[in-house]
Structure formats: C-alpha cells, structure tokens
Amino acid sequence: MKWIEFKGTGKLLSYSIVYVSTAEYQSQTPYAVGIVELDEGARISGVVRNIKHEDLKIGLKVIVDFEANTSQEWPQWPRYFFRSS
C-alpha cells in the first residue's frame, strides 16, 4: 500500500435526507448524507452541509471540507464533510 493524496473534489452520486437519527445527531436532523465519487475515482460517503436540500442533485460538484473536533470524547480527529464547490 502507498499514501495517495486526493484533491478533494468530486461529484455527488447518491444522497439521502435523514429525518430520524440517533440521539447524538438529533440536533442536526434533518441532514443529508451522500456518496461522492472523487475526481480520482474513489467513492466515499459523508454528511453534505451548507447546501439546501432542495438544491441537492445527482452530479452536483462538491468539495471535501473539515471541521475541528472540539469534543473531549473519541474520536478526536477533524471530521470531514462535503459542501458545494
């Protein structure tokens, strides 16, 4: 195996709006989760933020972004999400 750095840009392949969630995510409900195909070909899933749900569509160009994790609980690394590019 070897380390490969991705540009972090891609297109939305599929998405779902979550209306009923676990207690940890209840304050964020409803939220969107999508599968994104990165420009390099890898497919990853994640939360889609800062895009109105009615504006989501298959093929939408997105970019990976990160937020600092201020929680003292596991996991403590930055979390990624997708947003409009």
Protein backbone atom coordinates (compact mmCIF):
# COMPACT_ATOMS: atom_id res chain seq x y z
CA MET A 1 0.00 0.00 0.00
CA LYS A 2 1.05 3.58 -0.50
CA TRP A 3 -0.22 7.01 0.54
CA ILE A 4 -2.21 8.85 -2.15
CA GLU A 5 -3.27 12.47 -1.72
CA PHE A 6 -6.62 13.41 -3.26
CA LYS A 7 -7.61 16.87 -4.48
CA GLY A 8 -10.85 16.59 -2.51
CA THR A 9 -13.21 17.45 -5.35
CA GLY A 10 -15.84 15.23 -6.85
CA LYS A 11 -19.49 14.73 -7.75
CA LEU A 12 -22.49 13.56 -5.79
CA LEU A 13 -23.55 10.05 -6.87
CA SER A 14 -26.38 9.49 -4.40
CA TYR A 15 -27.84 11.09 -1.29
CA SER A 16 -30.47 10.66 1.37
CA ILE A 17 -32.10 13.10 3.78
CA VAL A 18 -32.11 11.76 7.35
CA TYR A 19 -35.20 12.76 9.34
CA VAL A 20 -34.93 10.25 12.20
CA SER A 21 -31.50 9.85 13.78
CA THR A 22 -29.69 8.64 16.85
CA ALA A 23 -29.54 10.84 19.94
CA GLU A 24 -26.05 12.15 19.04
CA TYR A 25 -27.29 13.67 15.77
CA GLN A 26 -30.83 14.64 16.80
CA SER A 27 -29.93 18.36 16.95
CA GLN A 28 -28.79 18.24 13.29
CA THR A 29 -31.89 16.49 11.93
CA PRO A 30 -32.83 16.71 9.10
CA TYR A 31 -29.43 16.36 7.44
CA ALA A 32 -28.11 14.98 4.17
CA VAL A 33 -25.73 12.06 3.71
CA GLY A 34 -24.22 11.36 0.33
CA ILE A 35 -21.89 9.15 -1.65
CA VAL A 36 -19.32 11.15 -3.60
CA GLU A 37 -17.06 9.98 -6.39
CA LEU A 38 -13.81 11.90 -6.09
CA ASP A 39 -12.14 13.09 -9.29
CA GLU A 40 -9.51 10.38 -8.83
CA GLY A 41 -12.20 7.66 -8.81
CA ALA A 42 -12.50 6.77 -5.12
CA ARG A 43 -16.03 6.75 -3.68
CA ILE A 44 -16.64 7.87 -0.10
CA SER A 45 -19.70 8.67 1.97
CA GLY A 46 -20.26 11.55 4.32
CA VAL A 47 -22.51 14.32 5.52
CA VAL A 48 -23.41 17.04 2.99
CA ARG A 49 -23.56 20.51 4.54
CA ASN A 50 -24.22 24.11 3.54
CA ILE A 51 -26.38 23.10 0.57
CA LYS A 52 -30.16 23.45 0.72
CA HIS A 53 -31.76 20.02 0.49
CA GLU A 54 -33.89 21.16 -2.45
CA ASP A 55 -30.66 22.09 -4.32
CA LEU A 56 -29.12 18.61 -3.99
CA LYS A 57 -28.96 16.67 -7.25
CA ILE A 58 -27.05 13.76 -8.70
CA GLY A 59 -23.87 15.01 -10.40
CA LEU A 60 -23.57 18.12 -8.20
CA LYS A 61 -19.93 19.19 -7.87
CA VAL A 62 -18.76 19.10 -4.25
CA ILE A 63 -15.56 19.53 -2.27
CA VAL A 64 -14.36 17.87 0.91
CA ASP A 65 -14.00 20.20 3.88
CA PHE A 66 -13.02 19.65 7.51
CA GLU A 67 -14.20 20.89 10.88
CA ALA A 68 -12.20 20.94 14.07
CA ASN A 69 -13.39 18.44 16.64
CA THR A 70 -13.74 20.20 19.99
CA SER A 71 -15.18 17.14 21.72
CA GLN A 72 -13.22 15.53 24.51
CA GLU A 73 -14.68 12.16 23.53
CA TRP A 74 -13.46 9.70 20.92
CA PRO A 75 -12.82 10.28 18.04
CA GLN A 76 -10.80 13.46 18.43
CA TRP A 77 -9.54 13.95 14.87
CA PRO A 78 -11.02 16.54 12.47
CA ARG A 79 -14.22 15.38 10.77
CA TYR A 80 -14.81 15.74 7.06
CA PHE A 81 -17.98 16.73 5.22
CA PHE A 82 -18.97 17.72 1.70
CA ARG A 83 -20.03 21.19 0.59
CA SER A 84 -20.68 22.99 -2.67
CA SER A 85 -17.51 23.64 -4.66
